N, C-alpha and C. Protein backbone atom coordinates (compact mmCIF):
# COMPACT_ATOMS: atom_id res chain seq x y z
N MET A 1 0.84 -1.17 0.00
CA MET A 1 0.00 0.00 0.00
C MET A 1 0.89 1.23 0.00
N THR A 2 0.48 2.23 -0.70
CA THR A 2 1.22 3.47 -0.77
C THR A 2 0.79 4.36 0.38
N ILE A 3 1.68 4.58 1.30
CA ILE A 3 1.34 5.35 2.51
C ILE A 3 1.03 6.80 2.17
N ALA A 4 1.80 7.42 1.28
CA ALA A 4 1.58 8.83 0.97
C ALA A 4 0.16 9.06 0.45
N GLU A 5 -0.25 8.28 -0.53
CA GLU A 5 -1.58 8.48 -1.10
C GLU A 5 -2.67 8.11 -0.10
N THR A 6 -2.41 7.12 0.73
CA THR A 6 -3.39 6.75 1.76
C THR A 6 -3.57 7.90 2.74
N LEU A 7 -2.47 8.52 3.15
CA LEU A 7 -2.58 9.68 4.05
C LEU A 7 -3.33 10.82 3.38
N LEU A 8 -3.09 11.04 2.08
CA LEU A 8 -3.84 12.07 1.37
C LEU A 8 -5.34 11.77 1.43
N GLY A 9 -5.69 10.51 1.22
CA GLY A 9 -7.09 10.12 1.27
C GLY A 9 -7.70 10.30 2.65
N LEU A 10 -6.92 10.03 3.68
CA LEU A 10 -7.42 10.22 5.05
C LEU A 10 -7.53 11.70 5.41
N LEU A 11 -6.72 12.53 4.78
CA LEU A 11 -6.77 13.98 5.02
C LEU A 11 -7.88 14.68 4.24
N GLU A 12 -8.37 14.05 3.19
CA GLU A 12 -9.32 14.73 2.31
C GLU A 12 -10.57 15.25 3.02
N PRO A 13 -11.19 14.50 3.91
CA PRO A 13 -12.42 15.02 4.52
C PRO A 13 -12.21 16.26 5.39
N ALA A 14 -11.08 16.32 6.09
CA ALA A 14 -10.85 17.46 7.00
C ALA A 14 -9.40 17.49 7.43
N PRO A 15 -8.89 18.66 7.80
CA PRO A 15 -7.52 18.76 8.31
C PRO A 15 -7.35 17.91 9.57
N ARG A 16 -6.15 17.33 9.71
CA ARG A 16 -5.88 16.46 10.87
C ARG A 16 -4.40 16.51 11.19
N HIS A 17 -4.07 16.03 12.37
CA HIS A 17 -2.66 15.97 12.73
C HIS A 17 -2.17 14.53 12.61
N GLY A 18 -0.85 14.38 12.65
CA GLY A 18 -0.21 13.09 12.39
C GLY A 18 -0.70 11.97 13.29
N TYR A 19 -0.91 12.25 14.55
CA TYR A 19 -1.36 11.21 15.48
C TYR A 19 -2.70 10.65 15.04
N ASP A 20 -3.64 11.53 14.69
CA ASP A 20 -4.95 11.07 14.22
C ASP A 20 -4.84 10.27 12.93
N LEU A 21 -4.00 10.74 12.03
CA LEU A 21 -3.81 10.03 10.76
C LEU A 21 -3.26 8.63 10.99
N ARG A 22 -2.27 8.53 11.86
CA ARG A 22 -1.68 7.21 12.16
C ARG A 22 -2.72 6.29 12.80
N ARG A 23 -3.47 6.80 13.73
CA ARG A 23 -4.49 5.99 14.41
C ARG A 23 -5.54 5.49 13.40
N GLU A 24 -6.00 6.37 12.51
CA GLU A 24 -7.00 5.96 11.53
C GLU A 24 -6.40 4.99 10.50
N TYR A 25 -5.17 5.25 10.07
CA TYR A 25 -4.50 4.35 9.14
C TYR A 25 -4.45 2.94 9.73
N ASP A 26 -3.99 2.83 10.97
CA ASP A 26 -3.88 1.52 11.61
C ASP A 26 -5.25 0.86 11.77
N ALA A 27 -6.27 1.66 12.10
CA ALA A 27 -7.61 1.10 12.27
C ALA A 27 -8.18 0.58 10.95
N GLN A 28 -7.92 1.30 9.87
CA GLN A 28 -8.50 0.92 8.58
C GLN A 28 -7.64 -0.05 7.78
N PHE A 29 -6.31 0.14 7.84
CA PHE A 29 -5.44 -0.59 6.91
C PHE A 29 -4.26 -1.29 7.56
N GLY A 30 -3.98 -1.02 8.80
CA GLY A 30 -2.73 -1.49 9.38
C GLY A 30 -2.81 -2.68 10.28
N GLU A 31 -3.86 -3.46 10.17
CA GLU A 31 -4.04 -4.57 11.08
C GLU A 31 -2.85 -5.53 11.09
N ARG A 32 -2.39 -5.92 9.93
CA ARG A 32 -1.28 -6.85 9.87
C ARG A 32 0.07 -6.14 9.79
N ARG A 33 0.06 -4.89 9.37
CA ARG A 33 1.30 -4.13 9.26
C ARG A 33 1.03 -2.67 9.62
N PRO A 34 1.00 -2.38 10.93
CA PRO A 34 0.74 -0.99 11.32
C PRO A 34 1.85 -0.07 10.83
N VAL A 35 1.48 1.17 10.61
CA VAL A 35 2.46 2.15 10.14
C VAL A 35 3.20 2.71 11.36
N LYS A 36 4.48 2.92 11.22
CA LYS A 36 5.29 3.45 12.32
C LYS A 36 5.12 4.97 12.38
N PRO A 37 5.16 5.53 13.59
CA PRO A 37 5.01 6.99 13.71
C PRO A 37 6.04 7.75 12.85
N ALA A 38 7.27 7.30 12.87
CA ALA A 38 8.31 8.00 12.09
C ALA A 38 7.97 7.98 10.60
N GLN A 39 7.36 6.90 10.14
CA GLN A 39 6.98 6.78 8.73
C GLN A 39 5.89 7.80 8.39
N VAL A 40 4.93 7.96 9.30
CA VAL A 40 3.85 8.93 9.07
C VAL A 40 4.42 10.33 8.98
N TYR A 41 5.25 10.69 9.96
CA TYR A 41 5.76 12.07 10.01
C TYR A 41 6.74 12.35 8.87
N ALA A 42 7.54 11.37 8.49
CA ALA A 42 8.43 11.56 7.35
C ALA A 42 7.62 11.74 6.06
N THR A 43 6.57 10.95 5.92
CA THR A 43 5.73 11.05 4.73
C THR A 43 5.00 12.39 4.70
N LEU A 44 4.49 12.83 5.85
CA LEU A 44 3.83 14.14 5.91
C LEU A 44 4.81 15.24 5.54
N GLY A 45 6.04 15.12 5.98
CA GLY A 45 7.07 16.11 5.63
C GLY A 45 7.30 16.17 4.13
N ARG A 46 7.38 14.99 3.48
CA ARG A 46 7.58 14.95 2.03
C ARG A 46 6.36 15.51 1.30
N LEU A 47 5.16 15.16 1.78
CA LEU A 47 3.95 15.67 1.13
C LEU A 47 3.88 17.19 1.24
N ALA A 48 4.28 17.74 2.40
CA ALA A 48 4.29 19.20 2.57
C ALA A 48 5.35 19.82 1.67
N ARG A 49 6.52 19.22 1.62
CA ARG A 49 7.61 19.73 0.77
C ARG A 49 7.19 19.76 -0.70
N ASP A 50 6.44 18.72 -1.12
CA ASP A 50 6.02 18.61 -2.51
C ASP A 50 4.77 19.43 -2.84
N GLY A 51 4.19 20.06 -1.83
CA GLY A 51 3.02 20.91 -2.06
C GLY A 51 1.69 20.18 -2.09
N ASP A 52 1.66 18.92 -1.65
CA ASP A 52 0.41 18.16 -1.66
C ASP A 52 -0.43 18.43 -0.42
N ILE A 53 0.21 18.86 0.66
CA ILE A 53 -0.48 19.25 1.89
C ILE A 53 0.18 20.53 2.41
N HIS A 54 -0.51 21.20 3.32
CA HIS A 54 0.10 22.37 3.97
C HIS A 54 -0.26 22.35 5.45
N VAL A 55 0.54 23.05 6.23
CA VAL A 55 0.31 23.14 7.68
C VAL A 55 -0.78 24.16 7.94
N VAL A 56 -1.80 23.73 8.69
CA VAL A 56 -2.90 24.61 9.05
C VAL A 56 -2.62 25.27 10.40
N SER A 57 -2.10 24.48 11.34
CA SER A 57 -1.79 25.03 12.67
C SER A 57 -0.82 24.12 13.39
N VAL A 58 -0.19 24.68 14.42
CA VAL A 58 0.68 23.92 15.30
C VAL A 58 0.23 24.24 16.72
N GLU A 59 -0.14 23.21 17.46
CA GLU A 59 -0.65 23.38 18.83
C GLU A 59 0.22 22.59 19.79
N GLN A 60 0.25 23.05 21.04
CA GLN A 60 0.91 22.27 22.08
C GLN A 60 -0.05 22.23 23.26
N VAL A 61 -0.56 21.03 23.52
CA VAL A 61 -1.53 20.85 24.59
C VAL A 61 -0.96 19.86 25.59
N GLY A 62 -0.10 20.34 26.46
CA GLY A 62 0.45 19.52 27.51
C GLY A 62 1.46 18.48 27.08
N GLY A 63 1.62 18.21 25.85
CA GLY A 63 2.55 17.19 25.36
C GLY A 63 3.33 17.73 24.19
N PRO A 64 3.64 16.85 23.28
CA PRO A 64 4.39 17.29 22.10
C PRO A 64 3.53 18.17 21.20
N GLU A 65 4.19 18.94 20.36
CA GLU A 65 3.47 19.78 19.40
C GLU A 65 2.65 18.90 18.46
N ARG A 66 1.48 19.39 18.11
CA ARG A 66 0.64 18.70 17.14
C ARG A 66 0.43 19.62 15.95
N THR A 67 0.96 19.17 14.82
CA THR A 67 0.84 19.94 13.59
C THR A 67 -0.37 19.41 12.82
N THR A 68 -1.26 20.31 12.47
CA THR A 68 -2.45 19.92 11.72
C THR A 68 -2.20 20.24 10.25
N TYR A 69 -2.51 19.26 9.40
CA TYR A 69 -2.28 19.37 7.96
C TYR A 69 -3.60 19.35 7.21
N ALA A 70 -3.59 19.95 6.03
CA ALA A 70 -4.76 19.92 5.13
C ALA A 70 -4.27 19.67 3.71
N LEU A 71 -5.14 19.12 2.91
CA LEU A 71 -4.84 18.86 1.51
C LEU A 71 -4.80 20.16 0.71
N THR A 72 -3.92 20.23 -0.24
CA THR A 72 -3.88 21.35 -1.18
C THR A 72 -4.58 20.90 -2.47
N PRO A 73 -4.85 21.80 -3.40
CA PRO A 73 -5.40 21.37 -4.69
C PRO A 73 -4.48 20.37 -5.40
N ASP A 74 -3.17 20.56 -5.30
CA ASP A 74 -2.24 19.59 -5.91
C ASP A 74 -2.38 18.23 -5.25
N GLY A 75 -2.60 18.22 -3.94
CA GLY A 75 -2.79 16.96 -3.22
C GLY A 75 -4.05 16.24 -3.66
N VAL A 76 -5.12 17.01 -3.89
CA VAL A 76 -6.37 16.42 -4.38
C VAL A 76 -6.15 15.81 -5.76
N THR A 77 -5.42 16.52 -6.61
CA THR A 77 -5.13 16.01 -7.96
C THR A 77 -4.33 14.72 -7.88
N ARG A 78 -3.30 14.71 -7.03
CA ARG A 78 -2.48 13.50 -6.87
C ARG A 78 -3.34 12.34 -6.38
N LEU A 79 -4.19 12.58 -5.39
CA LEU A 79 -5.06 11.54 -4.85
C LEU A 79 -6.01 11.02 -5.93
N GLU A 80 -6.64 11.92 -6.66
CA GLU A 80 -7.57 11.49 -7.71
C GLU A 80 -6.87 10.66 -8.77
N ARG A 81 -5.68 11.08 -9.17
CA ARG A 81 -4.92 10.33 -10.17
C ARG A 81 -4.59 8.93 -9.65
N TRP A 82 -4.17 8.84 -8.40
CA TRP A 82 -3.81 7.55 -7.81
C TRP A 82 -5.03 6.64 -7.69
N LEU A 83 -6.17 7.20 -7.32
CA LEU A 83 -7.38 6.39 -7.14
C LEU A 83 -7.85 5.74 -8.43
N VAL A 84 -7.67 6.41 -9.56
CA VAL A 84 -8.18 5.85 -10.81
C VAL A 84 -7.13 5.06 -11.59
N GLU A 85 -5.87 5.16 -11.19
CA GLU A 85 -4.80 4.42 -11.89
C GLU A 85 -4.87 2.94 -11.53
N PRO A 86 -4.97 2.06 -12.51
CA PRO A 86 -4.96 0.64 -12.20
C PRO A 86 -3.58 0.23 -11.65
N GLU A 87 -3.60 -0.71 -10.74
CA GLU A 87 -2.35 -1.22 -10.18
C GLU A 87 -1.78 -2.26 -11.13
N ALA A 88 -0.48 -2.26 -11.28
CA ALA A 88 0.18 -3.25 -12.12
C ALA A 88 0.11 -4.62 -11.47
N HIS A 89 -0.08 -5.62 -12.29
CA HIS A 89 -0.07 -6.99 -11.80
C HIS A 89 1.35 -7.33 -11.37
N THR A 90 1.47 -7.91 -10.20
CA THR A 90 2.78 -8.29 -9.69
C THR A 90 2.90 -9.80 -9.76
N PRO A 91 3.74 -10.30 -10.62
CA PRO A 91 3.90 -11.75 -10.67
C PRO A 91 4.62 -12.25 -9.42
N TYR A 92 4.16 -13.37 -8.93
CA TYR A 92 4.74 -13.93 -7.70
C TYR A 92 5.65 -15.11 -8.04
N LEU A 93 6.41 -14.95 -9.10
CA LEU A 93 7.24 -16.06 -9.56
C LEU A 93 8.35 -16.41 -8.59
N GLN A 94 8.79 -15.48 -7.81
CA GLN A 94 9.90 -15.74 -6.90
C GLN A 94 9.47 -15.56 -5.44
N SER A 95 8.33 -16.12 -5.07
CA SER A 95 7.90 -16.00 -3.69
C SER A 95 8.86 -16.77 -2.79
N VAL A 96 8.81 -16.48 -1.52
CA VAL A 96 9.67 -17.17 -0.56
C VAL A 96 9.37 -18.66 -0.55
N ILE A 97 8.11 -19.02 -0.64
CA ILE A 97 7.74 -20.44 -0.64
C ILE A 97 8.35 -21.15 -1.85
N PHE A 98 8.24 -20.53 -3.01
CA PHE A 98 8.83 -21.10 -4.22
C PHE A 98 10.33 -21.29 -4.03
N THR A 99 10.98 -20.29 -3.50
CA THR A 99 12.43 -20.36 -3.28
C THR A 99 12.77 -21.50 -2.33
N LYS A 100 12.00 -21.64 -1.26
CA LYS A 100 12.25 -22.73 -0.30
C LYS A 100 12.10 -24.10 -0.96
N VAL A 101 11.08 -24.26 -1.80
CA VAL A 101 10.88 -25.54 -2.49
C VAL A 101 12.09 -25.87 -3.37
N ILE A 102 12.52 -24.90 -4.14
CA ILE A 102 13.65 -25.14 -5.05
C ILE A 102 14.91 -25.46 -4.25
N LEU A 103 15.19 -24.69 -3.22
CA LEU A 103 16.40 -24.93 -2.43
C LEU A 103 16.34 -26.26 -1.68
N ALA A 104 15.17 -26.61 -1.17
CA ALA A 104 15.04 -27.90 -0.49
C ALA A 104 15.34 -29.04 -1.47
N LEU A 105 14.74 -28.99 -2.65
CA LEU A 105 14.95 -30.05 -3.63
C LEU A 105 16.41 -30.09 -4.11
N ARG A 106 17.00 -28.94 -4.32
CA ARG A 106 18.40 -28.89 -4.77
C ARG A 106 19.34 -29.50 -3.72
N SER A 107 18.98 -29.37 -2.45
CA SER A 107 19.85 -29.87 -1.39
C SER A 107 19.49 -31.29 -0.96
N GLY A 108 18.48 -31.86 -1.58
CA GLY A 108 18.08 -33.22 -1.23
C GLY A 108 17.17 -33.29 -0.02
N ARG A 109 16.72 -32.18 0.46
CA ARG A 109 15.80 -32.17 1.60
C ARG A 109 14.38 -32.44 1.10
N PRO A 110 13.51 -32.93 1.98
CA PRO A 110 12.13 -33.22 1.57
C PRO A 110 11.28 -31.94 1.48
N ALA A 111 10.95 -31.56 0.29
CA ALA A 111 10.12 -30.36 0.10
C ALA A 111 8.69 -30.60 0.55
N GLU A 112 8.27 -31.85 0.63
CA GLU A 112 6.90 -32.15 1.07
C GLU A 112 6.64 -31.58 2.46
N ARG A 113 7.65 -31.67 3.34
CA ARG A 113 7.48 -31.18 4.71
C ARG A 113 7.21 -29.69 4.73
N LEU A 114 7.95 -28.94 3.94
CA LEU A 114 7.72 -27.50 3.96
C LEU A 114 6.39 -27.14 3.32
N LEU A 115 5.98 -27.89 2.29
CA LEU A 115 4.67 -27.64 1.68
C LEU A 115 3.56 -27.96 2.67
N ASP A 116 3.71 -29.07 3.40
CA ASP A 116 2.70 -29.43 4.41
C ASP A 116 2.63 -28.39 5.52
N ALA A 117 3.78 -27.93 5.98
CA ALA A 117 3.81 -26.92 7.04
C ALA A 117 3.16 -25.62 6.55
N GLN A 118 3.45 -25.25 5.32
CA GLN A 118 2.87 -24.03 4.76
C GLN A 118 1.36 -24.18 4.61
N ARG A 119 0.94 -25.34 4.15
CA ARG A 119 -0.50 -25.62 3.99
C ARG A 119 -1.20 -25.49 5.35
N THR A 120 -0.62 -26.08 6.39
CA THR A 120 -1.20 -26.01 7.73
C THR A 120 -1.29 -24.57 8.22
N ALA A 121 -0.24 -23.79 7.99
CA ALA A 121 -0.24 -22.39 8.41
C ALA A 121 -1.30 -21.59 7.65
N HIS A 122 -1.43 -21.84 6.34
CA HIS A 122 -2.43 -21.12 5.54
C HIS A 122 -3.85 -21.47 6.00
N VAL A 123 -4.11 -22.74 6.25
CA VAL A 123 -5.44 -23.15 6.69
C VAL A 123 -5.76 -22.53 8.05
N ALA A 124 -4.79 -22.49 8.95
CA ALA A 124 -5.01 -21.88 10.26
C ALA A 124 -5.30 -20.39 10.10
N ALA A 125 -4.57 -19.72 9.22
CA ALA A 125 -4.81 -18.29 8.98
C ALA A 125 -6.20 -18.07 8.39
N MET A 126 -6.61 -18.94 7.47
CA MET A 126 -7.94 -18.82 6.88
C MET A 126 -9.03 -19.01 7.93
N ARG A 127 -8.84 -19.98 8.80
CA ARG A 127 -9.83 -20.21 9.86
C ARG A 127 -9.97 -18.99 10.76
N GLU A 128 -8.84 -18.39 11.10
CA GLU A 128 -8.86 -17.19 11.95
C GLU A 128 -9.57 -16.04 11.23
N LEU A 129 -9.30 -15.87 9.95
CA LEU A 129 -9.96 -14.81 9.18
C LEU A 129 -11.47 -15.06 9.08
N ILE A 130 -11.85 -16.29 8.88
CA ILE A 130 -13.28 -16.63 8.81
C ILE A 130 -13.95 -16.35 10.15
N ARG A 131 -13.26 -16.68 11.24
CA ARG A 131 -13.79 -16.39 12.57
C ARG A 131 -13.98 -14.89 12.76
N ARG A 132 -12.99 -14.10 12.32
CA ARG A 132 -13.05 -12.64 12.48
C ARG A 132 -14.18 -12.02 11.66
N LYS A 133 -14.53 -12.64 10.55
CA LYS A 133 -15.59 -12.10 9.71
C LYS A 133 -16.96 -12.18 10.38
N SER A 134 -17.13 -13.14 11.26
CA SER A 134 -18.43 -13.36 11.89
C SER A 134 -18.84 -12.13 12.70
N GLY A 135 -19.91 -11.48 12.27
CA GLY A 135 -20.43 -10.32 12.97
C GLY A 135 -19.63 -9.04 12.75
N ALA A 136 -18.64 -9.08 11.87
CA ALA A 136 -17.80 -7.90 11.64
C ALA A 136 -18.47 -6.93 10.68
N ASP A 137 -17.95 -5.69 10.67
CA ASP A 137 -18.46 -4.70 9.72
C ASP A 137 -17.97 -5.05 8.32
N LEU A 138 -18.58 -4.44 7.33
CA LEU A 138 -18.29 -4.78 5.94
C LEU A 138 -16.83 -4.51 5.57
N THR A 139 -16.23 -3.46 6.11
CA THR A 139 -14.82 -3.18 5.83
C THR A 139 -13.94 -4.34 6.27
N THR A 140 -14.18 -4.85 7.45
CA THR A 140 -13.41 -5.98 7.98
C THR A 140 -13.67 -7.23 7.15
N VAL A 141 -14.92 -7.47 6.80
CA VAL A 141 -15.27 -8.65 6.00
C VAL A 141 -14.54 -8.62 4.65
N LEU A 142 -14.57 -7.48 3.98
CA LEU A 142 -13.92 -7.38 2.67
C LEU A 142 -12.41 -7.52 2.79
N SER A 143 -11.83 -6.95 3.83
CA SER A 143 -10.39 -7.08 4.05
C SER A 143 -10.02 -8.55 4.30
N CYS A 144 -10.80 -9.21 5.12
CA CYS A 144 -10.56 -10.64 5.37
C CYS A 144 -10.73 -11.46 4.10
N ASP A 145 -11.77 -11.16 3.33
CA ASP A 145 -12.00 -11.89 2.07
C ASP A 145 -10.82 -11.73 1.12
N PHE A 146 -10.27 -10.53 1.03
CA PHE A 146 -9.12 -10.30 0.16
C PHE A 146 -7.98 -11.25 0.53
N THR A 147 -7.68 -11.33 1.81
CA THR A 147 -6.60 -12.20 2.26
C THR A 147 -6.96 -13.67 2.09
N ILE A 148 -8.19 -14.03 2.38
CA ILE A 148 -8.62 -15.42 2.23
C ILE A 148 -8.48 -15.87 0.77
N PHE A 149 -8.90 -15.04 -0.16
CA PHE A 149 -8.81 -15.41 -1.58
C PHE A 149 -7.36 -15.60 -2.01
N HIS A 150 -6.45 -14.78 -1.49
CA HIS A 150 -5.03 -14.97 -1.80
C HIS A 150 -4.50 -16.25 -1.16
N LEU A 151 -4.93 -16.53 0.04
CA LEU A 151 -4.52 -17.78 0.69
C LEU A 151 -5.05 -18.98 -0.08
N GLU A 152 -6.28 -18.89 -0.59
CA GLU A 152 -6.83 -19.98 -1.40
C GLU A 152 -5.99 -20.21 -2.65
N ALA A 153 -5.58 -19.13 -3.29
CA ALA A 153 -4.72 -19.27 -4.48
C ALA A 153 -3.39 -19.92 -4.10
N ASP A 154 -2.83 -19.50 -2.98
CA ASP A 154 -1.58 -20.12 -2.51
C ASP A 154 -1.78 -21.61 -2.25
N LEU A 155 -2.91 -21.96 -1.64
CA LEU A 155 -3.18 -23.38 -1.37
C LEU A 155 -3.28 -24.18 -2.66
N ARG A 156 -3.91 -23.61 -3.68
CA ARG A 156 -3.98 -24.30 -4.98
C ARG A 156 -2.57 -24.51 -5.52
N TRP A 157 -1.71 -23.49 -5.40
CA TRP A 157 -0.34 -23.61 -5.88
C TRP A 157 0.41 -24.67 -5.07
N LEU A 158 0.21 -24.71 -3.76
CA LEU A 158 0.87 -25.72 -2.93
C LEU A 158 0.48 -27.13 -3.37
N GLU A 159 -0.80 -27.34 -3.63
CA GLU A 159 -1.28 -28.66 -4.08
C GLU A 159 -0.71 -28.99 -5.46
N HIS A 160 -0.73 -28.03 -6.32
CA HIS A 160 -0.22 -28.19 -7.69
C HIS A 160 1.27 -28.56 -7.64
N THR A 161 2.01 -27.87 -6.81
CA THR A 161 3.45 -28.11 -6.69
C THR A 161 3.72 -29.46 -6.05
N ALA A 162 2.97 -29.79 -5.00
CA ALA A 162 3.16 -31.08 -4.32
C ALA A 162 2.97 -32.24 -5.29
N ALA A 163 2.01 -32.10 -6.20
CA ALA A 163 1.75 -33.16 -7.17
C ALA A 163 2.88 -33.30 -8.19
N ARG A 164 3.74 -32.31 -8.30
CA ARG A 164 4.81 -32.32 -9.30
C ARG A 164 6.22 -32.32 -8.71
N LEU A 165 6.34 -32.58 -7.43
CA LEU A 165 7.65 -32.51 -6.79
C LEU A 165 8.66 -33.49 -7.38
N ASP A 166 8.22 -34.70 -7.68
CA ASP A 166 9.16 -35.68 -8.24
C ASP A 166 9.73 -35.20 -9.57
N LYS A 167 8.87 -34.72 -10.44
CA LYS A 167 9.31 -34.22 -11.75
C LYS A 167 10.23 -33.00 -11.58
N LEU A 168 9.87 -32.11 -10.67
CA LEU A 168 10.70 -30.93 -10.41
C LEU A 168 12.06 -31.34 -9.87
N ALA A 169 12.09 -32.30 -8.97
CA ALA A 169 13.37 -32.77 -8.42
C ALA A 169 14.24 -33.36 -9.52
N GLU A 170 13.62 -34.10 -10.44
CA GLU A 170 14.37 -34.66 -11.57
C GLU A 170 14.98 -33.56 -12.43
N GLU A 171 14.18 -32.56 -12.77
CA GLU A 171 14.68 -31.46 -13.60
C GLU A 171 15.81 -30.71 -12.92
N LEU A 172 15.68 -30.48 -11.63
CA LEU A 172 16.72 -29.78 -10.90
C LEU A 172 18.00 -30.61 -10.83
N ALA A 173 17.86 -31.90 -10.67
CA ALA A 173 19.03 -32.79 -10.61
C ALA A 173 19.78 -32.78 -11.93
N GLU A 174 19.06 -32.71 -13.05
CA GLU A 174 19.68 -32.66 -14.37
C GLU A 174 20.47 -31.37 -14.55
N GLU A 175 20.00 -30.27 -13.94
CA GLU A 175 20.69 -28.98 -14.07
C GLU A 175 21.99 -28.93 -13.27
N LEU A 176 22.04 -29.69 -12.21
CA LEU A 176 23.25 -29.64 -11.35
C LEU A 176 24.32 -30.45 -11.90
């Protein structure tokens, strides 16, 4: 996810300070990978430098200074452009799992064990996501579905690969 554009989107409804932006980012998008405070403030600094946001006010209420930011017209344009731009397809040809399978087979280790372990981990993750969907709001349901569908694709690949391990091991042995 692009943090800069996400922050622009969170700023669009009203001016806000970094703490609020970070809290909302984590609530909406950061469940598995929360954004670090330094990342938010560095990104806000770049957005201000580039003219996409501007400082509305700086307050100090008993703690650290709180700088409130607002979107500029350039920031709105950048956000709109990002929202309508299709994302490029990212091929997963060199995933970590793929790499582990190849290295296990090249070294004579049983790749079946790592595929089984990965399958078990994926199924456990899917069960947890399905549990979380129960009674959840639509945002949570859709977020869980996105991950579940990717896990399902991974599981299909794991099964597909497991069925071809012998042939793959033969091909790799011929290359060595």
